Amino acid sequence: MTRWTSDRVDAEYDMQQRAFGDLEAVIMDLVWDYEDPVTVRQIFDELSADRQIAYTTVMSTMDNLHRKEWLSRERSGKA
């Protein structure tokens, strides 16, 4: 299992400057709402309650945010 985290220091300002896509911005807001690291499944479950979205879309978007250095990830278990 992979858990994702992000620091929120001046992040909202930086998000506006970097012009995140709509889904990236929504995902970052959800990640910041959690106090503990989150999984793709947690974010997917919240997003899928309001919109039709594929798990792989959420996973790919979070991976893109990791490559942009907005999210860090910690792998646990055999994943």
N, C-alpha and C. Protein backbone atom coordinates (compact mmCIF):
# COMPACT_ATOMS: atom_id res chain seq x y z
N MET A 1 0.85 -1.17 0.00
CA MET A 1 0.00 0.00 0.00
C MET A 1 0.90 1.24 0.00
N THR A 2 0.50 2.22 -0.74
CA THR A 2 1.23 3.48 -0.81
C THR A 2 0.41 4.56 -0.14
N ARG A 3 1.05 5.33 0.72
CA ARG A 3 0.38 6.45 1.39
C ARG A 3 0.99 7.74 0.88
N TRP A 4 0.14 8.75 0.69
CA TRP A 4 0.54 10.01 0.09
C TRP A 4 0.38 11.15 1.09
N THR A 5 1.32 12.10 1.06
CA THR A 5 1.24 13.27 1.92
C THR A 5 1.70 14.51 1.16
N SER A 6 1.38 15.67 1.71
CA SER A 6 1.83 16.93 1.14
C SER A 6 1.84 17.99 2.23
N ASP A 7 2.80 18.89 2.16
CA ASP A 7 2.84 20.02 3.07
C ASP A 7 2.01 21.14 2.48
N ARG A 8 1.31 21.88 3.33
CA ARG A 8 0.41 22.92 2.84
C ARG A 8 1.02 24.33 2.99
N VAL A 9 2.29 24.45 3.21
CA VAL A 9 2.93 25.74 3.41
C VAL A 9 2.91 26.51 2.09
N ASP A 10 2.19 27.60 2.08
CA ASP A 10 2.04 28.45 0.90
C ASP A 10 1.59 27.67 -0.34
N ALA A 11 1.01 26.53 -0.14
CA ALA A 11 0.65 25.68 -1.27
C ALA A 11 -0.50 26.25 -2.09
N GLU A 12 -1.47 26.87 -1.44
CA GLU A 12 -2.60 27.41 -2.19
C GLU A 12 -2.13 28.50 -3.15
N TYR A 13 -1.22 29.34 -2.70
CA TYR A 13 -0.68 30.38 -3.57
C TYR A 13 0.09 29.74 -4.73
N ASP A 14 0.91 28.76 -4.41
CA ASP A 14 1.69 28.08 -5.45
C ASP A 14 0.79 27.38 -6.45
N MET A 15 -0.32 26.80 -5.98
CA MET A 15 -1.25 26.13 -6.89
C MET A 15 -1.78 27.11 -7.91
N GLN A 16 -2.13 28.31 -7.49
CA GLN A 16 -2.65 29.31 -8.41
C GLN A 16 -1.58 29.72 -9.40
N GLN A 17 -0.34 29.83 -8.95
CA GLN A 17 0.75 30.25 -9.82
C GLN A 17 1.09 29.18 -10.86
N ARG A 18 0.97 27.93 -10.50
CA ARG A 18 1.32 26.84 -11.40
C ARG A 18 0.14 26.38 -12.24
N ALA A 19 -1.01 26.91 -12.00
CA ALA A 19 -2.22 26.59 -12.77
C ALA A 19 -2.45 25.08 -12.88
N PHE A 20 -2.70 24.46 -11.74
CA PHE A 20 -3.03 23.04 -11.74
C PHE A 20 -4.30 22.81 -12.53
N GLY A 21 -4.43 21.61 -13.06
CA GLY A 21 -5.67 21.21 -13.68
C GLY A 21 -6.75 21.07 -12.63
N ASP A 22 -7.99 21.02 -13.07
CA ASP A 22 -9.11 20.93 -12.13
C ASP A 22 -9.01 19.71 -11.22
N LEU A 23 -8.73 18.55 -11.80
CA LEU A 23 -8.66 17.33 -10.99
C LEU A 23 -7.48 17.37 -10.03
N GLU A 24 -6.35 17.89 -10.48
CA GLU A 24 -5.19 18.02 -9.59
C GLU A 24 -5.53 18.90 -8.38
N ALA A 25 -6.20 19.99 -8.62
CA ALA A 25 -6.57 20.91 -7.53
C ALA A 25 -7.52 20.24 -6.55
N VAL A 26 -8.50 19.50 -7.06
CA VAL A 26 -9.46 18.81 -6.19
C VAL A 26 -8.74 17.76 -5.35
N ILE A 27 -7.86 17.01 -5.98
CA ILE A 27 -7.12 15.97 -5.25
C ILE A 27 -6.24 16.59 -4.18
N MET A 28 -5.55 17.68 -4.49
CA MET A 28 -4.70 18.32 -3.48
C MET A 28 -5.53 18.81 -2.31
N ASP A 29 -6.70 19.39 -2.57
CA ASP A 29 -7.57 19.83 -1.48
C ASP A 29 -7.98 18.65 -0.59
N LEU A 30 -8.30 17.51 -1.21
CA LEU A 30 -8.68 16.34 -0.43
C LEU A 30 -7.51 15.82 0.40
N VAL A 31 -6.33 15.78 -0.18
CA VAL A 31 -5.15 15.31 0.55
C VAL A 31 -4.91 16.21 1.76
N TRP A 32 -5.02 17.51 1.57
CA TRP A 32 -4.78 18.45 2.66
C TRP A 32 -5.85 18.36 3.75
N ASP A 33 -7.04 17.90 3.41
CA ASP A 33 -8.10 17.76 4.41
C ASP A 33 -7.81 16.64 5.42
N TYR A 34 -6.99 15.69 5.03
CA TYR A 34 -6.62 14.59 5.93
C TYR A 34 -5.43 15.00 6.79
N GLU A 35 -5.44 14.59 8.04
CA GLU A 35 -4.29 14.86 8.91
C GLU A 35 -3.20 13.82 8.70
N ASP A 36 -3.59 12.62 8.33
CA ASP A 36 -2.65 11.53 8.12
C ASP A 36 -2.46 11.29 6.63
N PRO A 37 -1.40 10.57 6.26
CA PRO A 37 -1.22 10.21 4.86
C PRO A 37 -2.44 9.45 4.33
N VAL A 38 -2.71 9.59 3.05
CA VAL A 38 -3.89 8.98 2.43
C VAL A 38 -3.47 7.96 1.38
N THR A 39 -4.41 7.12 1.01
CA THR A 39 -4.21 6.18 -0.08
C THR A 39 -5.00 6.65 -1.29
N VAL A 40 -4.64 6.10 -2.45
CA VAL A 40 -5.40 6.40 -3.66
C VAL A 40 -6.86 5.99 -3.45
N ARG A 41 -7.08 4.86 -2.79
CA ARG A 41 -8.45 4.37 -2.55
C ARG A 41 -9.27 5.39 -1.76
N GLN A 42 -8.68 6.01 -0.75
CA GLN A 42 -9.42 7.00 0.04
C GLN A 42 -9.84 8.19 -0.83
N ILE A 43 -8.92 8.67 -1.64
CA ILE A 43 -9.23 9.81 -2.51
C ILE A 43 -10.24 9.39 -3.56
N PHE A 44 -10.06 8.21 -4.14
CA PHE A 44 -11.01 7.70 -5.14
C PHE A 44 -12.41 7.59 -4.55
N ASP A 45 -12.52 7.04 -3.35
CA ASP A 45 -13.84 6.88 -2.72
C ASP A 45 -14.54 8.22 -2.55
N GLU A 46 -13.80 9.24 -2.15
CA GLU A 46 -14.41 10.57 -1.99
C GLU A 46 -14.82 11.16 -3.33
N LEU A 47 -13.95 11.05 -4.32
CA LEU A 47 -14.24 11.62 -5.63
C LEU A 47 -15.40 10.90 -6.32
N SER A 48 -15.42 9.59 -6.21
CA SER A 48 -16.45 8.81 -6.92
C SER A 48 -17.84 9.00 -6.32
N ALA A 49 -17.92 9.56 -5.13
CA ALA A 49 -19.23 9.86 -4.54
C ALA A 49 -19.90 11.02 -5.28
N ASP A 50 -19.10 11.89 -5.89
CA ASP A 50 -19.63 13.08 -6.56
C ASP A 50 -19.55 13.04 -8.08
N ARG A 51 -18.70 12.19 -8.62
CA ARG A 51 -18.51 12.16 -10.07
C ARG A 51 -18.12 10.76 -10.52
N GLN A 52 -18.33 10.51 -11.79
CA GLN A 52 -17.92 9.23 -12.35
C GLN A 52 -16.45 9.35 -12.73
N ILE A 53 -15.62 8.56 -12.08
CA ILE A 53 -14.17 8.64 -12.30
C ILE A 53 -13.57 7.26 -12.09
N ALA A 54 -12.54 6.95 -12.85
CA ALA A 54 -11.88 5.66 -12.73
C ALA A 54 -10.79 5.71 -11.66
N TYR A 55 -10.61 4.60 -10.98
CA TYR A 55 -9.56 4.49 -9.97
C TYR A 55 -8.20 4.81 -10.60
N THR A 56 -7.97 4.30 -11.81
CA THR A 56 -6.67 4.52 -12.47
C THR A 56 -6.44 5.98 -12.81
N THR A 57 -7.51 6.73 -13.04
CA THR A 57 -7.37 8.17 -13.30
C THR A 57 -6.87 8.88 -12.05
N VAL A 58 -7.43 8.52 -10.91
CA VAL A 58 -7.00 9.11 -9.64
C VAL A 58 -5.54 8.71 -9.37
N MET A 59 -5.22 7.44 -9.58
CA MET A 59 -3.86 6.97 -9.34
C MET A 59 -2.86 7.68 -10.25
N SER A 60 -3.19 7.82 -11.52
CA SER A 60 -2.29 8.50 -12.46
C SER A 60 -2.11 9.97 -12.11
N THR A 61 -3.19 10.61 -11.72
CA THR A 61 -3.11 12.03 -11.35
C THR A 61 -2.26 12.22 -10.11
N MET A 62 -2.43 11.33 -9.13
CA MET A 62 -1.60 11.43 -7.92
C MET A 62 -0.14 11.14 -8.24
N ASP A 63 0.11 10.23 -9.16
CA ASP A 63 1.48 9.96 -9.59
C ASP A 63 2.07 11.18 -10.29
N ASN A 64 1.29 11.85 -11.12
CA ASN A 64 1.74 13.08 -11.77
C ASN A 64 2.08 14.15 -10.74
N LEU A 65 1.25 14.27 -9.71
CA LEU A 65 1.51 15.24 -8.64
C LEU A 65 2.79 14.88 -7.88
N HIS A 66 3.06 13.59 -7.76
CA HIS A 66 4.31 13.16 -7.13
C HIS A 66 5.50 13.56 -7.99
N ARG A 67 5.41 13.35 -9.28
CA ARG A 67 6.51 13.73 -10.19
C ARG A 67 6.73 15.24 -10.20
N LYS A 68 5.66 16.01 -9.98
CA LYS A 68 5.77 17.47 -9.89
C LYS A 68 6.23 17.92 -8.50
N GLU A 69 6.47 16.95 -7.63
CA GLU A 69 6.93 17.17 -6.25
C GLU A 69 5.89 17.84 -5.36
N TRP A 70 4.62 17.66 -5.67
CA TRP A 70 3.54 18.15 -4.81
C TRP A 70 3.12 17.11 -3.79
N LEU A 71 3.30 15.85 -4.12
CA LEU A 71 2.99 14.77 -3.20
C LEU A 71 4.25 13.95 -2.97
N SER A 72 4.38 13.45 -1.76
CA SER A 72 5.42 12.47 -1.49
C SER A 72 4.71 11.16 -1.18
N ARG A 73 5.39 10.06 -1.43
CA ARG A 73 4.73 8.79 -1.18
C ARG A 73 5.63 7.88 -0.36
N GLU A 74 4.96 7.04 0.38
CA GLU A 74 5.63 6.09 1.26
C GLU A 74 4.99 4.74 1.00
N ARG A 75 5.77 3.82 0.52
CA ARG A 75 5.23 2.48 0.24
C ARG A 75 5.32 1.64 1.51
N SER A 76 4.28 0.85 1.72
CA SER A 76 4.27 -0.05 2.88
C SER A 76 3.77 -1.41 2.42
N GLY A 77 4.17 -2.44 3.10
CA GLY A 77 3.76 -3.78 2.72
C GLY A 77 4.48 -4.23 1.45
N LYS A 78 3.81 -5.05 0.66
CA LYS A 78 4.41 -5.60 -0.56
C LYS A 78 4.19 -4.73 -1.78
N ALA A 79 3.44 -3.66 -1.63
CA ALA A 79 3.11 -2.82 -2.79
C ALA A 79 4.32 -2.07 -3.30
